[in-house]
Protein backbone atom coordinates (compact mmCIF):
# COMPACT_ATOMS: atom_id res chain seq x y z
CA MET A 1 40.03 58.33 41.45
CA LEU A 2 39.81 57.57 45.48
CA SER A 3 42.06 54.77 46.52
CA ARG A 4 40.15 51.96 48.48
CA GLY A 5 41.17 53.27 51.34
CA ALA A 6 40.70 56.86 51.05
CA ALA A 7 36.56 56.19 50.02
CA SER A 8 35.81 54.19 52.91
CA GLY A 9 37.27 56.90 55.62
CA ARG A 10 35.11 59.10 53.11
CA ALA A 11 32.22 57.09 53.82
CA LEU A 12 32.47 56.11 58.06
CA ARG A 13 33.02 60.48 58.42
CA GLY A 14 29.31 60.34 56.22
CA ALA A 15 27.50 57.94 58.04
CA ALA A 16 28.29 59.46 61.59
CA ARG A 17 27.18 63.16 60.12
CA ALA A 18 24.39 61.20 59.37
CA GLY A 19 23.84 60.29 62.68
CA VAL A 20 24.54 56.67 61.30
CA GLN A 21 26.50 54.10 64.03
CA SER A 22 29.99 52.94 63.08
CA PRO A 23 30.58 49.76 62.75
CA PRO A 24 33.29 48.73 65.81
CA ILE A 25 37.04 48.36 64.18
CA ARG A 26 38.37 45.41 65.21
CA GLY A 27 41.87 46.28 67.05
CA LEU A 28 45.31 45.05 65.74
CA ARG A 29 47.25 42.80 67.92
CA ALA A 30 50.97 41.60 66.59
CA SER A 31 51.45 38.68 66.94
CA PRO A 32 53.74 37.12 69.18
CA ARG A 33 57.51 37.86 68.79
CA ALA A 34 59.49 34.90 66.75
CA ARG A 35 61.72 33.30 69.19
CA SER A 36 65.08 34.35 68.36
CA ALA A 37 67.78 32.36 71.27
CA MET A 38 67.94 29.56 73.05
CA PRO A 39 69.94 27.87 75.91
CA SER A 40 73.27 26.19 74.34
CA TRP A 41 77.10 24.91 74.90
CA VAL A 42 79.24 26.95 73.21
CA ILE A 43 82.85 27.75 73.13
CA ASP A 44 84.15 31.57 71.29
CA ARG A 45 88.02 29.70 70.95
CA TYR A 46 89.67 26.55 70.23
CA GLY A 47 91.37 25.47 74.11
CA HIS A 48 90.60 23.26 76.39
CA ASN A 49 87.29 22.74 79.11
CA ASP A 50 87.78 25.40 80.43
CA VAL A 51 86.32 27.28 76.63
CA LEU A 52 83.11 26.16 77.04
CA ARG A 53 80.63 28.44 78.15
CA PHE A 54 76.20 28.24 78.41
CA THR A 55 74.78 30.32 77.24
CA ARG A 56 70.98 31.47 76.92
CA ASP A 57 71.53 33.53 74.03
CA MET A 58 72.47 31.41 71.18
CA VAL A 59 71.05 32.05 68.08
CA PHE A 60 68.04 30.12 66.93
CA PRO A 61 68.75 28.19 64.31
CA THR A 62 66.21 28.65 61.18
CA ILE A 63 65.66 26.64 57.51
CA HIS A 64 67.18 28.31 54.88
CA PHE A 65 66.94 25.42 52.74
CA PRO A 66 63.14 23.07 51.55
CA ASN A 67 65.43 20.20 52.39
CA GLU A 68 65.76 20.93 56.55
CA VAL A 69 63.81 20.17 59.33
CA ILE A 70 64.30 21.82 63.23
CA ILE A 71 64.59 18.83 65.45
CA LYS A 72 64.30 19.95 69.72
CA VAL A 73 66.34 18.04 71.45
CA HIS A 74 65.55 15.60 73.64
CA ALA A 75 69.23 13.47 74.35
CA ALA A 76 72.55 14.06 72.85
CA SER A 77 76.40 12.96 73.72
CA LEU A 78 79.63 14.22 72.45
CA ASN A 79 82.29 11.83 70.52
CA PRO A 80 85.53 11.87 70.96
CA ILE A 81 85.99 14.17 67.61
CA ASP A 82 84.21 16.68 69.96
CA LEU A 83 87.00 16.90 72.43
CA SER A 84 89.49 17.28 69.00
CA MET A 85 87.13 20.15 67.42
CA ARG A 86 87.34 21.81 71.44
CA SER A 87 91.37 21.66 70.52
CA GLY A 88 91.05 23.26 67.15
CA TYR A 89 91.36 19.57 65.18
CA GLY A 90 90.24 20.10 61.61
CA ALA A 91 89.10 23.77 61.78
CA THR A 92 91.11 24.99 58.43
CA ALA A 93 88.88 21.72 56.23
CA LEU A 94 85.97 22.01 58.53
CA ASN A 95 85.91 26.47 58.17
CA MET A 96 86.78 25.40 53.96
CA LYS A 97 83.46 23.43 54.29
CA ARG A 98 81.17 25.79 55.92
CA ASP A 99 82.03 28.93 54.16
CA PRO A 100 84.01 27.56 51.31
CA LEU A 101 83.70 30.71 49.40
CA LYS A 102 84.66 32.89 51.94
CA ILE A 103 81.48 34.66 51.90
CA LYS A 104 81.78 35.36 55.04
CA SER A 105 84.18 37.10 57.36
CA MET A 106 86.76 36.08 60.26
CA ASP A 107 86.19 33.40 62.80
CA THR A 108 82.83 31.96 60.83
CA GLU A 109 82.72 29.05 63.28
CA PHE A 110 82.14 30.86 66.77
CA PRO A 111 80.36 30.86 68.29
CA LEU A 112 80.49 26.84 68.07
CA THR A 113 78.24 24.55 69.66
CA LEU A 114 79.86 21.30 69.81
CA GLY A 115 77.72 17.36 69.82
CA ARG A 116 76.90 15.09 66.95
CA ASP A 117 74.41 12.44 68.00
CA VAL A 118 70.74 14.08 68.77
CA SER A 119 67.92 12.04 69.34
CA GLY A 120 64.54 14.26 69.94
CA VAL A 121 61.41 15.21 67.50
CA ILE A 122 60.37 17.26 64.72
CA MET A 123 59.48 20.86 65.21
CA GLU A 124 59.09 21.83 61.55
CA CYS A 125 60.15 20.52 58.34
CA GLY A 126 61.05 22.55 55.04
CA LEU A 127 59.13 23.11 51.83
CA SER A 128 60.73 19.36 50.09
CA VAL A 129 60.16 17.06 52.99
CA SER A 130 57.11 15.21 52.93
CA TYR A 131 59.36 11.97 54.26
CA PHE A 132 58.68 13.52 58.05
CA LYS A 133 56.00 16.07 59.88
CA PRO A 134 56.30 17.92 62.73
CA GLY A 135 56.06 15.82 66.41
CA ASP A 136 57.88 12.51 64.97
CA GLU A 137 61.14 10.75 67.36
CA VAL A 138 63.35 11.18 65.28
CA TRP A 139 68.10 10.37 65.68
CA ALA A 140 70.17 11.77 63.39
CA ALA A 141 74.14 12.54 63.78
CA ILE A 142 75.15 15.81 62.52
CA PRO A 143 77.60 16.43 60.53
CA PRO A 144 80.94 18.35 62.07
CA TRP A 145 80.80 21.33 59.61
CA LYS A 146 76.79 22.06 61.18
CA GLN A 147 76.39 23.67 64.15
CA GLY A 148 75.97 20.66 66.90
CA THR A 149 73.50 19.24 69.57
CA LEU A 150 74.41 20.73 72.33
CA SER A 151 71.36 23.08 72.81
CA GLU A 152 67.69 23.28 73.38
CA PHE A 153 67.29 22.62 68.82
CA VAL A 154 69.63 21.64 65.82
CA VAL A 155 68.76 21.96 62.09
CA ALA A 156 70.03 19.13 59.99
CA SER A 157 69.02 18.17 56.49
CA GLY A 158 66.79 15.81 55.64
CA ASN A 159 69.05 13.11 54.03
CA GLU A 160 70.73 13.00 57.45
CA VAL A 161 67.76 12.00 59.87
CA SER A 162 66.01 9.04 60.48
CA PHE A 163 62.79 7.11 62.84
CA LYS A 164 64.38 6.73 66.09
CA PRO A 165 63.68 2.83 66.90
CA LYS A 166 60.92 2.27 68.83
CA CYS A 167 62.53 0.00 70.92
CA LEU A 168 65.01 2.93 72.53
CA SER A 169 64.24 5.72 74.94
CA HIS A 170 65.60 9.08 74.14
CA THR A 171 69.17 8.66 75.67
CA GLU A 172 69.85 5.50 74.49
CA ALA A 173 68.93 6.29 70.96
CA ALA A 174 71.33 9.43 71.40
CA SER A 175 74.88 7.22 71.90
CA LEU A 176 74.02 5.58 69.09
CA PRO A 177 74.33 7.31 65.30
CA TYR A 178 77.94 8.91 65.30
CA VAL A 179 79.48 5.46 66.09
CA GLY A 180 76.84 3.29 64.26
CA LEU A 181 77.12 5.58 60.62
CA THR A 182 81.25 5.40 61.78
CA ALA A 183 80.74 1.81 61.75
CA TRP A 184 78.33 1.03 58.62
CA SER A 185 80.72 3.64 56.46
CA ALA A 186 83.41 1.00 57.23
CA VAL A 187 81.68 -1.97 56.68
CA ASN A 188 79.30 -1.44 54.07
CA GLN A 189 80.75 1.35 52.31
CA VAL A 190 84.05 0.93 52.35
CA GLY A 191 84.75 -2.87 52.95
CA GLY A 192 82.13 -4.02 50.88
CA LEU A 193 80.64 -6.44 53.06
CA ASN A 194 76.73 -6.96 52.81
CA LYS A 195 74.53 -9.63 53.01
CA SER A 196 75.12 -11.21 49.91
CA ASN A 197 78.65 -11.35 50.10
CA CYS A 198 79.11 -12.30 54.33
CA GLY A 199 76.42 -14.37 55.56
CA GLY A 200 77.66 -17.69 56.82
CA LYS A 201 80.62 -16.75 54.96
CA ARG A 202 84.51 -16.40 56.07
CA PHE A 203 85.50 -12.96 55.82
CA ASP A 204 88.91 -11.45 56.66
CA PHE A 205 88.26 -7.74 57.73
CA ILE A 206 90.45 -5.44 60.25
CA LEU A 207 88.95 -1.97 61.00
CA ASP A 208 91.61 -0.16 63.38
CA ASN A 209 90.95 3.06 65.14
CA VAL A 210 93.85 3.34 66.93
CA GLY A 211 96.68 3.70 64.29
CA GLY A 212 100.24 3.50 65.69
CA SER A 213 101.84 0.30 65.44
CA THR A 214 98.68 -1.57 65.21
CA GLU A 215 98.80 -1.13 61.21
CA LYS A 216 102.36 -3.53 61.66
CA TRP A 217 100.55 -6.36 63.76
CA ALA A 218 97.47 -6.50 62.98
CA LEU A 219 98.18 -7.19 59.08
CA ASP A 220 99.17 -10.56 60.50
CA LEU A 221 95.70 -11.87 61.40
CA LEU A 222 94.37 -11.45 57.84
CA LYS A 223 95.31 -14.36 55.52
CA LYS A 224 96.84 -12.55 52.46
CA TRP A 225 95.84 -13.08 48.14
CA SER A 226 92.02 -14.17 49.75
CA GLY A 227 90.45 -10.76 49.22
CA ALA A 228 91.34 -9.16 53.18
CA THR A 229 90.52 -5.84 53.33
CA TYR A 230 92.34 -3.86 56.12
CA VAL A 231 90.10 -0.11 57.30
CA THR A 232 91.43 2.56 58.67
CA LEU A 233 89.73 5.30 60.47
CA VAL A 234 93.03 7.08 61.18
CA THR A 235 93.05 9.52 58.47
CA PRO A 236 96.32 11.84 58.15
CA PHE A 237 93.75 14.08 55.74
CA LEU A 238 92.22 16.99 58.39
CA ILE A 239 95.71 16.98 60.37
CA ASN A 240 97.87 17.55 57.21
CA MET A 241 95.02 20.24 56.41
CA ASP A 242 95.68 22.48 59.26
CA LYS A 243 99.44 22.16 59.61
CA LEU A 244 99.80 22.65 55.99
CA GLY A 245 96.91 24.21 54.59
CA VAL A 246 94.77 23.00 51.61
CA ALA A 247 96.86 22.62 49.10
CA ASP A 248 99.48 21.27 50.73
CA GLY A 249 97.22 19.09 52.99
CA MET A 250 95.62 17.67 50.30
CA LEU A 251 98.34 16.70 48.57
CA GLN A 252 100.20 15.52 51.22
CA THR A 253 97.55 13.26 52.52
CA GLY A 254 97.16 11.84 48.16
CA VAL A 255 100.81 10.78 48.46
CA THR A 256 100.36 9.10 51.59
CA VAL A 257 96.51 7.51 50.64
CA GLY A 258 97.93 6.04 47.48
CA SER A 259 101.52 4.79 48.39
CA LYS A 260 100.29 2.75 51.39
CA THR A 261 97.87 1.27 48.97
CA VAL A 262 99.95 0.27 46.46
CA LYS A 263 102.64 -0.72 49.08
CA HIS A 264 99.84 -3.32 51.08
CA LEU A 265 98.43 -4.26 47.53
CA PHE A 266 101.38 -6.22 46.60
CA LYS A 267 101.38 -8.39 50.39
CA GLY A 268 97.99 -9.44 49.24
CA VAL A 269 96.00 -6.74 51.16
CA HIS A 270 92.99 -4.51 50.30
CA TYR A 271 93.91 -0.87 52.31
CA ARG A 272 90.88 1.63 52.58
CA TRP A 273 90.57 4.67 54.61
CA ALA A 274 86.50 5.36 55.64
CA PHE A 275 85.35 7.59 57.39
CA PHE A 276 81.64 9.24 59.18
CA MET A 277 79.60 9.77 56.54
CA PRO A 278 75.95 11.16 57.56
CA SER A 279 73.11 9.14 56.20
CA GLY A 280 69.30 8.56 56.67
CA PRO A 281 68.87 5.90 54.94
CA SER A 282 72.00 4.10 56.98
CA LEU A 283 70.18 5.10 60.27
CA ASP A 284 67.11 3.78 59.01
CA GLU A 285 68.94 0.20 58.14
CA ILE A 286 70.87 0.58 61.53
CA ALA A 287 66.83 1.32 63.21
CA GLU A 288 65.92 -1.94 61.82
CA LEU A 289 68.90 -4.09 63.09
CA VAL A 290 68.02 -2.38 66.67
CA ASP A 291 64.42 -2.87 66.36
CA SER A 292 64.15 -6.22 65.58
CA GLY A 293 65.68 -7.37 68.11
CA LYS A 294 69.69 -7.98 66.03
CA GLY A 295 71.19 -5.55 68.05
CA ASP A 296 72.37 -9.15 70.14
CA LEU A 297 76.00 -9.53 69.06
CA LEU A 298 75.77 -13.35 70.25
CA LYS A 299 72.11 -13.45 67.49
CA ALA A 300 74.13 -11.22 64.96
CA LYS A 301 75.08 -12.86 61.42
CA GLY A 302 77.01 -11.54 58.49
CA GLU A 303 77.02 -8.03 57.95
CA TYR A 304 75.50 -7.03 61.23
CA GLN A 305 78.26 -9.16 63.20
CA ALA A 306 80.34 -7.30 61.83
CA LEU A 307 78.55 -3.75 62.38
CA HIS A 308 78.40 -4.85 66.17
CA LEU A 309 82.34 -5.86 66.28
CA CYS A 310 83.27 -2.51 64.26
CA SER A 311 80.93 -0.01 67.12
CA TYR A 312 83.30 -2.66 70.13
CA ILE A 313 85.95 -1.65 68.42
CA LEU A 314 85.34 2.36 68.01
CA HIS A 315 84.85 2.55 71.86
CA LEU A 316 86.70 -0.56 73.02
CA GLY A 317 90.10 -0.23 70.36
CA MET A 318 89.62 -3.73 68.95
CA VAL A 319 90.96 -5.26 65.56
CA VAL A 320 88.17 -8.33 63.82
CA THR A 321 88.06 -10.40 61.61
CA SER A 322 84.81 -13.18 60.67
CA GLU A 323 86.77 -15.88 63.76
CA GLY A 324 86.76 -13.46 66.22
CA ARG A 325 88.04 -10.16 67.58
CA GLN A 326 91.56 -9.30 69.89
CA PRO A 327 92.07 -6.72 72.30
CA LEU A 328 94.58 -4.57 71.21
CA SER A 329 97.51 -4.56 73.67
CA SER A 330 98.30 -1.33 75.70
CA ASN A 331 100.87 -0.96 74.00
CA SER A 332 99.70 -0.58 70.07
CA ALA A 333 97.69 2.34 71.00
CA SER A 334 98.77 5.91 69.36
CA GLN A 335 98.16 9.24 70.18
CA ASN A 336 98.64 10.09 67.04
CA GLY A 337 56.66 8.02 44.25
CA LYS A 338 57.56 7.70 47.73
CA PRO A 339 57.33 10.57 50.69
CA SER A 340 60.85 12.95 50.40
CA ARG A 341 63.12 13.67 52.95
CA GLY A 342 64.43 16.29 50.79
CA PHE A 343 67.23 15.46 49.01
């Protein structure tokens, strides 16, 4: 029995001998080579600004999971955590998150791209993502354990991405996601403030982004034994893991968190730690506030006012209660059925 290729070849040769003109054979043409590199700012080691390097040969991001999307970056921004990461801050914990099973070999984070905020356009979607489509204008905050946004393209999970506010340009939008989500995490997720419990009501709430002696005097601004909450973004977790290793660092952090929580509880104040949490749904809510005009601090109410004030804290170093805000003194600073996102 002849194979299909052999039979067709023999038929063509027989037709040629019989004087029959054979049909023209369509030439094969390979598709253009898939893009494999892109421009990016990277670091190859930890240090100061001199470790930053511009390259046009950074590996092009690919979709590894069906819930991921590739974003063409129109604007990106840096945050204080990027400057700290440049110097090696959090390397132990972040590397454990990047490669928990130690499958890869040494220095898996390099070359490392910094940048957490991005505003751009969806270029490609994973198979389980139906909430977005190529061409959608989006914004996102990329978690620190992933490659950052100072590149031409970046890959993100669908649940980390949200539609960009229509009233903002890409440049304006790229300044908000990381700081906005950090404030939202502190106010809503950790502080427990929402429309139902703070709209038109008094709430005692302090968000500390400075640390140091702030914790000693800022508590006096709160009304004790009234549900007052003190939330700090100055956590020892990453520093402890860098200094003591994974096991000892986690143990030391647990002891510190537990002791401070109990100590402040006896003083009539709920003491909490907050940190950045990537969340597309939370960005949806923030985008809705921006587009609805509630971005005006003077018009904001309840949790929206708290969100704005906490955003100011992150940028300027301020503490806030429901009755206003107070700048931190100079000696208080410290050195120390629906479409799916693809969940």
